Amino acid sequence: MSERSAWGHGLTTITDDGQVLDTWFPQPALGAAPAGAVAPEGLEALVGTDEARRVRTEVRLVEIDLDAAPADAPDAYLRLLLLSHCLVAPNTI
């Protein structure tokens, strides 16, 4: 991973067949995830299954390299949240 990295605990929505639909990061951060990083309080309470929509939610720790292209949906959503939280400037990631 490059020196330009970011991380966050995200609430990921996943279909029954394993496709990631989205990931919400309430507290995205720049840098490497600290050892023993714990998900924000209350995030675990949102974990569950929605049988009607055939999806489940789970908490995932996502770490990304900002100098590489987005690797997957959680990576792309983390980049969007970094922009929304004004942690990075447009056109820099």
PDB file of N, CA and C in Angstrom:
ATOM      1  N   MET A   1       0.851  -1.178   0.000  1.00  0.00           N
ATOM      2  CA  MET A   1       0.000   0.000   0.000  1.00  0.00           C
ATOM      3  C   MET A   1       0.894   1.239   0.000  1.00  0.00           C
ATOM      4  N   SER A   2       0.514   2.269  -0.727  1.00  0.00           N
ATOM      5  CA  SER A   2       1.298   3.494  -0.811  1.00  0.00           C
ATOM      6  C   SER A   2       1.159   4.292   0.481  1.00  0.00           C
ATOM      7  N   GLU A   3       1.870   5.412   0.538  1.00  0.00           N
ATOM      8  CA  GLU A   3       1.765   6.285   1.706  1.00  0.00           C
ATOM      9  C   GLU A   3       0.422   7.000   1.737  1.00  0.00           C
ATOM     10  N   ARG A   4      -0.227   7.088   0.592  1.00  0.00           N
ATOM     11  CA  ARG A   4      -1.551   7.723   0.552  1.00  0.00           C
ATOM     12  C   ARG A   4      -2.603   6.636   0.681  1.00  0.00           C
ATOM     13  N   SER A   5      -3.068   6.473   1.893  1.00  0.00           N
ATOM     14  CA  SER A   5      -4.059   5.432   2.146  1.00  0.00           C
ATOM     15  C   SER A   5      -5.206   6.008   2.957  1.00  0.00           C
ATOM     16  N   ALA A   6      -6.261   5.245   3.032  1.00  0.00           N
ATOM     17  CA  ALA A   6      -7.440   5.642   3.810  1.00  0.00           C
ATOM     18  C   ALA A   6      -8.101   4.372   4.323  1.00  0.00           C
ATOM     19  N   TRP A   7      -8.950   4.556   5.313  1.00  0.00           N
ATOM     20  CA  TRP A   7      -9.612   3.394   5.908  1.00  0.00           C
ATOM     21  C   TRP A   7     -10.910   3.828   6.571  1.00  0.00           C
ATOM     22  N   GLY A   8     -11.712   2.842   6.871  1.00  0.00           N
ATOM     23  CA  GLY A   8     -12.936   3.099   7.616  1.00  0.00           C
ATOM     24  C   GLY A   8     -13.689   1.809   7.864  1.00  0.00           C
ATOM     25  N   HIS A   9     -14.472   1.828   8.912  1.00  0.00           N
ATOM     26  CA  HIS A   9     -15.413   0.733   9.160  1.00  0.00           C
ATOM     27  C   HIS A   9     -16.693   1.112   8.430  1.00  0.00           C
ATOM     28  N   GLY A  10     -17.160   0.240   7.571  1.00  0.00           N
ATOM     29  CA  GLY A  10     -18.347   0.538   6.784  1.00  0.00           C
ATOM     30  C   GLY A  10     -19.454  -0.467   7.003  1.00  0.00           C
ATOM     31  N   LEU A  11     -20.674   0.013   6.859  1.00  0.00           N
ATOM     32  CA  LEU A  11     -21.843  -0.862   6.887  1.00  0.00           C
ATOM     33  C   LEU A  11     -22.133  -1.235   5.439  1.00  0.00           C
ATOM     34  N   THR A  12     -21.892  -2.488   5.096  1.00  0.00           N
ATOM     35  CA  THR A  12     -21.992  -2.964   3.721  1.00  0.00           C
ATOM     36  C   THR A  12     -23.297  -3.720   3.512  1.00  0.00           C
ATOM     37  N   THR A  13     -24.003  -3.386   2.423  1.00  0.00           N
ATOM     38  CA  THR A  13     -25.222  -4.097   2.036  1.00  0.00           C
ATOM     39  C   THR A  13     -24.854  -5.108   0.962  1.00  0.00           C
ATOM     40  N   ILE A  14     -25.216  -6.375   1.196  1.00  0.00           N
ATOM     41  CA  ILE A  14     -24.814  -7.475   0.327  1.00  0.00           C
ATOM     42  C   ILE A  14     -26.049  -8.281  -0.058  1.00  0.00           C
ATOM     43  N   THR A  15     -26.169  -8.619  -1.348  1.00  0.00           N
ATOM     44  CA  THR A  15     -27.295  -9.434  -1.810  1.00  0.00           C
ATOM     45  C   THR A  15     -27.101 -10.884  -1.389  1.00  0.00           C
ATOM     46  N   ASP A  16     -28.171 -11.672  -1.522  1.00  0.00           N
ATOM     47  CA  ASP A  16     -28.102 -13.097  -1.195  1.00  0.00           C
ATOM     48  C   ASP A  16     -27.037 -13.837  -2.003  1.00  0.00           C
ATOM     49  N   ASP A  17     -26.758 -13.348  -3.224  1.00  0.00           N
ATOM     50  CA  ASP A  17     -25.745 -14.021  -4.045  1.00  0.00           C
ATOM     51  C   ASP A  17     -24.342 -13.432  -3.864  1.00  0.00           C
ATOM     52  N   GLY A  18     -24.171 -12.544  -2.872  1.00  0.00           N
ATOM     53  CA  GLY A  18     -22.846 -12.041  -2.525  1.00  0.00           C
ATOM     54  C   GLY A  18     -22.414 -10.749  -3.174  1.00  0.00           C
ATOM     55  N   GLN A  19     -23.278 -10.110  -3.958  1.00  0.00           N
ATOM     56  CA  GLN A  19     -22.915  -8.858  -4.613  1.00  0.00           C
ATOM     57  C   GLN A  19     -23.032  -7.698  -3.626  1.00  0.00           C
ATOM     58  N   VAL A  20     -21.989  -6.873  -3.540  1.00  0.00           N
ATOM     59  CA  VAL A  20     -22.015  -5.691  -2.678  1.00  0.00           C
ATOM     60  C   VAL A  20     -22.780  -4.586  -3.397  1.00  0.00           C
ATOM     61  N   LEU A  21     -23.809  -4.060  -2.739  1.00  0.00           N
ATOM     62  CA  LEU A  21     -24.607  -2.982  -3.321  1.00  0.00           C
ATOM     63  C   LEU A  21     -24.066  -1.613  -2.929  1.00  0.00           C
ATOM     64  N   ASP A  22     -23.715  -1.443  -1.662  1.00  0.00           N
ATOM     65  CA  ASP A  22     -23.176  -0.173  -1.200  1.00  0.00           C
ATOM     66  C   ASP A  22     -22.461  -0.371   0.127  1.00  0.00           C
ATOM     67  N   THR A  23     -21.726   0.647   0.525  1.00  0.00           N
ATOM     68  CA  THR A  23     -21.073   0.652   1.830  1.00  0.00           C
ATOM     69  C   THR A  23     -21.097   2.078   2.348  1.00  0.00           C
ATOM     70  N   TRP A  24     -21.561   2.246   3.583  1.00  0.00           N
ATOM     71  CA  TRP A  24     -21.631   3.558   4.226  1.00  0.00           C
ATOM     72  C   TRP A  24     -20.552   3.629   5.301  1.00  0.00           C
ATOM     73  N   PHE A  25     -19.754   4.681   5.253  1.00  0.00           N
ATOM     74  CA  PHE A  25     -18.674   4.886   6.212  1.00  0.00           C
ATOM     75  C   PHE A  25     -18.982   6.122   7.053  1.00  0.00           C
ATOM     76  N   PRO A  26     -19.394   5.947   8.310  1.00  0.00           N
ATOM     77  CA  PRO A  26     -19.728   7.106   9.131  1.00  0.00           C
ATOM     78  C   PRO A  26     -18.514   7.937   9.540  1.00  0.00           C
ATOM     79  N   GLN A  27     -17.328   7.320   9.620  1.00  0.00           N
ATOM     80  CA  GLN A  27     -16.128   8.040  10.058  1.00  0.00           C
ATOM     81  C   GLN A  27     -14.920   7.636   9.214  1.00  0.00           C
ATOM     82  N   PRO A  28     -14.892   8.020   7.932  1.00  0.00           N
ATOM     83  CA  PRO A  28     -13.730   7.674   7.119  1.00  0.00           C
ATOM     84  C   PRO A  28     -12.503   8.430   7.625  1.00  0.00           C
ATOM     85  N   ALA A  29     -11.319   7.864   7.397  1.00  0.00           N
ATOM     86  CA  ALA A  29     -10.095   8.497   7.877  1.00  0.00           C
ATOM     87  C   ALA A  29      -8.965   8.283   6.880  1.00  0.00           C
ATOM     88  N   LEU A  30      -8.026   9.221   6.885  1.00  0.00           N
ATOM     89  CA  LEU A  30      -6.829   9.092   6.061  1.00  0.00           C
ATOM     90  C   LEU A  30      -5.759   8.338   6.838  1.00  0.00           C
ATOM     91  N   GLY A  31      -4.835   7.711   6.096  1.00  0.00           N
ATOM     92  CA  GLY A  31      -3.756   6.963   6.723  1.00  0.00           C
ATOM     93  C   GLY A  31      -4.110   5.499   6.857  1.00  0.00           C
ATOM     94  N   ALA A  32      -3.235   4.784   7.543  1.00  0.00           N
ATOM     95  CA  ALA A  32      -3.457   3.353   7.765  1.00  0.00           C
ATOM     96  C   ALA A  32      -4.351   3.153   8.980  1.00  0.00           C
ATOM     97  N   ALA A  33      -5.125   2.107   8.949  1.00  0.00           N
ATOM     98  CA  ALA A  33      -5.980   1.783  10.097  1.00  0.00           C
ATOM     99  C   ALA A  33      -5.092   1.423  11.281  1.00  0.00           C
ATOM    100  N   PRO A  34      -5.378   1.995  12.445  1.00  0.00           N
ATOM    101  CA  PRO A  34      -4.577   1.638  13.617  1.00  0.00           C
ATOM    102  C   PRO A  34      -4.825   0.187  14.028  1.00  0.00           C
ATOM    103  N   ALA A  35      -3.819  -0.417  14.604  1.00  0.00           N
ATOM    104  CA  ALA A  35      -3.969  -1.792  15.088  1.00  0.00           C
ATOM    105  C   ALA A  35      -5.091  -1.837  16.115  1.00  0.00           C
ATOM    106  N   GLY A  36      -5.956  -2.801  15.979  1.00  0.00           N
ATOM    107  CA  GLY A  36      -7.057  -2.943  16.929  1.00  0.00           C
ATOM    108  C   GLY A  36      -8.173  -1.933  16.749  1.00  0.00           C
ATOM    109  N   ALA A  37      -8.250  -1.313  15.566  1.00  0.00           N
ATOM    110  CA  ALA A  37      -9.311  -0.330  15.313  1.00  0.00           C
ATOM    111  C   ALA A  37     -10.679  -0.970  15.527  1.00  0.00           C
ATOM    112  N   VAL A  38     -11.545  -0.254  16.216  1.00  0.00           N
ATOM    113  CA  VAL A  38     -12.875  -0.759  16.557  1.00  0.00           C
ATOM    114  C   VAL A  38     -13.916   0.042  15.779  1.00  0.00           C
ATOM    115  N   ALA A  39     -14.951  -0.616  15.318  1.00  0.00           N
ATOM    116  CA  ALA A  39     -16.034   0.048  14.582  1.00  0.00           C
ATOM    117  C   ALA A  39     -16.685   1.114  15.459  1.00  0.00           C
ATOM    118  N   PRO A  40     -17.155   2.220  14.843  1.00  0.00           N
ATOM    119  CA  PRO A  40     -17.832   3.268  15.608  1.00  0.00           C
ATOM    120  C   PRO A  40     -19.016   2.716  16.396  1.00  0.00           C
ATOM    121  N   GLU A  41     -19.236   3.301  17.548  1.00  0.00           N
ATOM    122  CA  GLU A  41     -20.338   2.865  18.407  1.00  0.00           C
ATOM    123  C   GLU A  41     -21.665   2.935  17.653  1.00  0.00           C
ATOM    124  N   GLY A  42     -22.455   1.926  17.786  1.00  0.00           N
ATOM    125  CA  GLY A  42     -23.774   1.888  17.161  1.00  0.00           C
ATOM    126  C   GLY A  42     -23.808   1.240  15.793  1.00  0.00           C
ATOM    127  N   LEU A  43     -22.655   1.104  15.147  1.00  0.00           N
ATOM    128  CA  LEU A  43     -22.645   0.528  13.801  1.00  0.00           C
ATOM    129  C   LEU A  43     -23.041  -0.947  13.824  1.00  0.00           C
ATOM    130  N   GLU A  44     -22.578  -1.681  14.807  1.00  0.00           N
ATOM    131  CA  GLU A  44     -22.916  -3.110  14.914  1.00  0.00           C
ATOM    132  C   GLU A  44     -24.420  -3.323  15.098  1.00  0.00           C
ATOM    133  N   ALA A  45     -25.104  -2.342  15.690  1.00  0.00           N
ATOM    134  CA  ALA A  45     -26.552  -2.468  15.904  1.00  0.00           C
ATOM    135  C   ALA A  45     -27.328  -2.467  14.584  1.00  0.00           C
ATOM    136  N   LEU A  46     -26.701  -2.009  13.508  1.00  0.00           N
ATOM    137  CA  LEU A  46     -27.359  -1.934  12.203  1.00  0.00           C
ATOM    138  C   LEU A  46     -27.174  -3.203  11.372  1.00  0.00           C
ATOM    139  N   VAL A  47     -26.403  -4.151  11.882  1.00  0.00           N
ATOM    140  CA  VAL A  47     -26.164  -5.413  11.181  1.00  0.00           C
ATOM    141  C   VAL A  47     -27.429  -6.258  11.220  1.00  0.00           C
ATOM    142  N   GLY A  48     -27.751  -6.880  10.090  1.00  0.00           N
ATOM    143  CA  GLY A  48     -28.927  -7.745  10.069  1.00  0.00           C
ATOM    144  C   GLY A  48     -29.251  -8.240   8.682  1.00  0.00           C
ATOM    145  N   THR A  49     -30.412  -8.858   8.570  1.00  0.00           N
ATOM    146  CA  THR A  49     -30.893  -9.416   7.307  1.00  0.00           C
ATOM    147  C   THR A  49     -32.265  -8.846   7.002  1.00  0.00           C
ATOM    148  N   ASP A  50     -32.478  -8.474   5.744  1.00  0.00           N
ATOM    149  CA  ASP A  50     -33.777  -7.998   5.271  1.00  0.00           C
ATOM    150  C   ASP A  50     -34.283  -9.034   4.267  1.00  0.00           C
ATOM    151  N   GLU A  51     -35.130  -9.925   4.732  1.00  0.00           N
ATOM    152  CA  GLU A  51     -35.631 -11.013   3.881  1.00  0.00           C
ATOM    153  C   GLU A  51     -36.439 -10.488   2.699  1.00  0.00           C
ATOM    154  N   ALA A  52     -37.192  -9.409   2.895  1.00  0.00           N
ATOM    155  CA  ALA A  52     -38.029  -8.869   1.817  1.00  0.00           C
ATOM    156  C   ALA A  52     -37.174  -8.381   0.643  1.00  0.00           C
ATOM    157  N   ARG A  53     -36.050  -7.744   0.944  1.00  0.00           N
ATOM    158  CA  ARG A  53     -35.161  -7.247  -0.115  1.00  0.00           C
ATOM    159  C   ARG A  53     -34.077  -8.247  -0.490  1.00  0.00           C
ATOM    160  N   ARG A  54     -33.997  -9.366   0.281  1.00  0.00           N
ATOM    161  CA  ARG A  54     -33.002 -10.398   0.055  1.00  0.00           C
ATOM    162  C   ARG A  54     -31.579  -9.848   0.130  1.00  0.00           C
ATOM    163  N   VAL A  55     -31.339  -9.050   1.191  1.00  0.00           N
ATOM    164  CA  VAL A  55     -30.009  -8.504   1.451  1.00  0.00           C
ATOM    165  C   VAL A  55     -29.677  -8.665   2.933  1.00  0.00           C
ATOM    166  N   ARG A  56     -28.390  -8.534   3.211  1.00  0.00           N
ATOM    167  CA  ARG A  56     -27.935  -8.493   4.596  1.00  0.00           C
ATOM    168  C   ARG A  56     -26.956  -7.333   4.734  1.00  0.00           C
ATOM    169  N   THR A  57     -26.781  -6.856   5.937  1.00  0.00           N
ATOM    170  CA  THR A  57     -25.793  -5.819   6.203  1.00  0.00           C
ATOM    171  C   THR A  57     -24.771  -6.371   7.178  1.00  0.00           C
ATOM    172  N   GLU A  58     -23.527  -5.977   6.964  1.00  0.00           N
ATOM    173  CA  GLU A  58     -22.453  -6.379   7.863  1.00  0.00           C
ATOM    174  C   GLU A  58     -21.423  -5.259   7.944  1.00  0.00           C
ATOM    175  N   VAL A  59     -20.686  -5.234   9.040  1.00  0.00           N
ATOM    176  CA  VAL A  59     -19.632  -4.238   9.228  1.00  0.00           C
ATOM    177  C   VAL A  59     -18.334  -4.808   8.671  1.00  0.00           C
ATOM    178  N   ARG A  60     -17.652  -3.996   7.869  1.00  0.00           N
ATOM    179  CA  ARG A  60     -16.369  -4.399   7.292  1.00  0.00           C
ATOM    180  C   ARG A  60     -15.353  -3.284   7.505  1.00  0.00           C
ATOM    181  N   LEU A  61     -14.132  -3.669   7.814  1.00  0.00           N
ATOM    182  CA  LEU A  61     -13.020  -2.727   7.848  1.00  0.00           C
ATOM    183  C   LEU A  61     -12.434  -2.692   6.445  1.00  0.00           C
ATOM    184  N   VAL A  62     -12.393  -1.503   5.845  1.00  0.00           N
ATOM    185  CA  VAL A  62     -11.892  -1.346   4.484  1.00  0.00           C
ATOM    186  C   VAL A  62     -10.667  -0.440   4.531  1.00  0.00           C
ATOM    187  N   GLU A  63      -9.577  -0.888   3.923  1.00  0.00           N
ATOM    188  CA  GLU A  63      -8.360  -0.099   3.785  1.00  0.00           C
ATOM    189  C   GLU A  63      -8.048   0.001   2.299  1.00  0.00           C
ATOM    190  N   ILE A  64      -7.730   1.225   1.840  1.00  0.00           N
ATOM    191  CA  ILE A  64      -7.501   1.421   0.408  1.00  0.00           C
ATOM    192  C   ILE A  64      -6.219   2.203   0.150  1.00  0.00           C
ATOM    193  N   ASP A  65      -5.694   2.025  -1.055  1.00  0.00           N
ATOM    194  CA  ASP A  65      -4.548   2.768  -1.564  1.00  0.00           C
ATOM    195  C   ASP A  65      -5.109   3.863  -2.466  1.00  0.00           C
ATOM    196  N   LEU A  66      -4.923   5.108  -2.064  1.00  0.00           N
ATOM    197  CA  LEU A  66      -5.497   6.220  -2.827  1.00  0.00           C
ATOM    198  C   LEU A  66      -4.792   6.459  -4.159  1.00  0.00           C
ATOM    199  N   ASP A  67      -3.600   5.896  -4.334  1.00  0.00           N
ATOM    200  CA  ASP A  67      -2.877   6.060  -5.594  1.00  0.00           C
ATOM    201  C   ASP A  67      -3.237   4.981  -6.618  1.00  0.00           C
ATOM    202  N   ALA A  68      -3.977   3.976  -6.202  1.00  0.00           N
ATOM    203  CA  ALA A  68      -4.410   2.906  -7.104  1.00  0.00           C
ATOM    204  C   ALA A  68      -5.858   3.153  -7.530  1.00  0.00           C
ATOM    205  N   ALA A  69      -6.245   2.534  -8.615  1.00  0.00           N
ATOM    206  CA  ALA A  69      -7.643   2.623  -9.058  1.00  0.00           C
ATOM    207  C   ALA A  69      -8.532   1.905  -8.043  1.00  0.00           C
ATOM    208  N   PRO A  70      -9.801   2.317  -7.939  1.00  0.00           N
ATOM    209  CA  PRO A  70     -10.712   1.617  -7.016  1.00  0.00           C
ATOM    210  C   PRO A  70     -10.759   0.124  -7.340  1.00  0.00           C
ATOM    211  N   ALA A  71     -10.639  -0.690  -6.301  1.00  0.00           N
ATOM    212  CA  ALA A  71     -10.581  -2.139  -6.486  1.00  0.00           C
ATOM    213  C   ALA A  71     -11.953  -2.793  -6.485  1.00  0.00           C
ATOM    214  N   ASP A  72     -12.914  -2.178  -5.787  1.00  0.00           N
ATOM    215  CA  ASP A  72     -14.242  -2.778  -5.664  1.00  0.00           C
ATOM    216  C   ASP A  72     -15.222  -1.709  -5.183  1.00  0.00           C
ATOM    217  N   ALA A  73     -16.463  -2.109  -4.974  1.00  0.00           N
ATOM    218  CA  ALA A  73     -17.499  -1.151  -4.565  1.00  0.00           C
ATOM    219  C   ALA A  73     -17.185  -0.485  -3.221  1.00  0.00           C
ATOM    220  N   PRO A  74     -16.781  -1.222  -2.178  1.00  0.00           N
ATOM    221  CA  PRO A  74     -16.461  -0.545  -0.916  1.00  0.00           C
ATOM    222  C   PRO A  74     -15.335   0.484  -1.068  1.00  0.00           C
ATOM    223  N   ASP A  75     -14.341   0.184  -1.895  1.00  0.00           N
ATOM    224  CA  ASP A  75     -13.255   1.125  -2.169  1.00  0.00           C
ATOM    225  C   ASP A  75     -13.827   2.408  -2.780  1.00  0.00           C
ATOM    226  N   ALA A  76     -14.682   2.279  -3.781  1.00  0.00           N
ATOM    227  CA  ALA A  76     -15.274   3.453  -4.430  1.00  0.00           C
ATOM    228  C   ALA A  76     -16.134   4.261  -3.459  1.00  0.00           C
ATOM    229  N   TYR A  77     -16.924   3.577  -2.641  1.00  0.00           N
ATOM    230  CA  TYR A  77     -17.754   4.293  -1.667  1.00  0.00           C
ATOM    231  C   TYR A  77     -16.907   4.993  -0.615  1.00  0.00           C
ATOM    232  N   LEU A  78     -15.791   4.397  -0.200  1.00  0.00           N
ATOM    233  CA  LEU A  78     -14.919   5.065   0.764  1.00  0.00           C
ATOM    234  C   LEU A  78     -14.352   6.340   0.155  1.00  0.00           C
ATOM    235  N   ARG A  79     -13.967   6.300  -1.104  1.00  0.00           N
ATOM    236  CA  ARG A  79     -13.463   7.503  -1.782  1.00  0.00           C
ATOM    237  C   ARG A  79     -14.539   8.595  -1.829  1.00  0.00           C
ATOM    238  N   LEU A  80     -15.778   8.210  -2.124  1.00  0.00           N
ATOM    239  CA  LEU A  80     -16.867   9.195  -2.149  1.00  0.00           C
ATOM    240  C   LEU A  80     -17.078   9.831  -0.779  1.00  0.00           C
ATOM    241  N   LEU A  81     -17.008   9.018   0.271  1.00  0.00           N
ATOM    242  CA  LEU A  81     -17.198   9.545   1.622  1.00  0.00           C
ATOM    243  C   LEU A  81     -16.024  10.406   2.057  1.00  0.00           C
ATOM    244  N   LEU A  82     -14.811  10.105   1.600  1.00  0.00           N
ATOM    245  CA  LEU A  82     -13.665  10.977   1.888  1.00  0.00           C
ATOM    246  C   LEU A  82     -13.904  12.358   1.289  1.00  0.00           C
ATOM    247  N   LEU A  83     -14.439  12.393   0.081  1.00  0.00           N
ATOM    248  CA  LEU A  83     -14.785  13.670  -0.553  1.00  0.00           C
ATOM    249  C   LEU A  83     -15.905  14.375   0.203  1.00  0.00           C
ATOM    250  N   SER A  84     -16.947  13.654   0.570  1.00  0.00           N
ATOM    251  CA  SER A  84     -18.096  14.240   1.271  1.00  0.00           C
ATOM    252  C   SER A  84     -17.709  14.816   2.623  1.00  0.00           C
ATOM    253  N   HIS A  85     -16.766  14.173   3.295  1.00  0.00           N
ATOM    254  CA  HIS A  85     -16.305  14.648   4.602  1.00  0.00           C
ATOM    255  C   HIS A  85     -15.196  15.692   4.464  1.00  0.00           C
ATOM    256  N   CYS A  86     -14.894  16.100   3.224  1.00  0.00           N
ATOM    257  CA  CYS A  86     -13.862  17.107   2.921  1.00  0.00           C
ATOM    258  C   CYS A  86     -12.487  16.705   3.447  1.00  0.00           C
ATOM    259  N   LEU A  87     -12.185  15.413   3.425  1.00  0.00           N
ATOM    260  CA  LEU A  87     -10.872  14.932   3.845  1.00  0.00           C
ATOM    261  C   LEU A  87      -9.880  14.935   2.690  1.00  0.00           C
ATOM    262  N   VAL A  88     -10.386  14.943   1.476  1.00  0.00           N
ATOM    263  CA  VAL A  88      -9.559  15.036   0.275  1.00  0.00           C
ATOM    264  C   VAL A  88     -10.224  16.024  -0.678  1.00  0.00           C
ATOM    265  N   ALA A  89      -9.410  16.581  -1.555  1.00  0.00           N
ATOM    266  CA  ALA A  89      -9.928  17.522  -2.547  1.00  0.00           C
ATOM    267  C   ALA A  89     -10.322  16.764  -3.816  1.00  0.00           C
ATOM    268  N   PRO A  90     -11.294  17.308  -4.557  1.00  0.00           N
ATOM    269  CA  PRO A  90     -11.661  16.679  -5.828  1.00  0.00           C
ATOM    270  C   PRO A  90     -10.439  16.554  -6.746  1.00  0.00           C
ATOM    271  N   ASN A  91     -10.429  15.529  -7.545  1.00  0.00           N
ATOM    272  CA  ASN A  91      -9.372  15.256  -8.524  1.00  0.00           C
ATOM    273  C   ASN A  91      -8.014  14.947  -7.902  1.00  0.00           C
ATOM    274  N   THR A  92      -7.988  14.551  -6.621  1.00  0.00           N
ATOM    275  CA  THR A  92      -6.716  14.187  -5.990  1.00  0.00           C
ATOM    276  C   THR A  92      -6.650  12.704  -5.646  1.00  0.00           C
ATOM    277  N   ILE A  93      -7.755  12.001  -5.814  1.00  0.00           N
ATOM    278  CA  ILE A  93      -7.750  10.573  -5.488  1.00  0.00           C
ATOM    279  C   ILE A  93      -8.255   9.766  -6.667  1.00  0.00           C
TER     280      ILE A  93
END
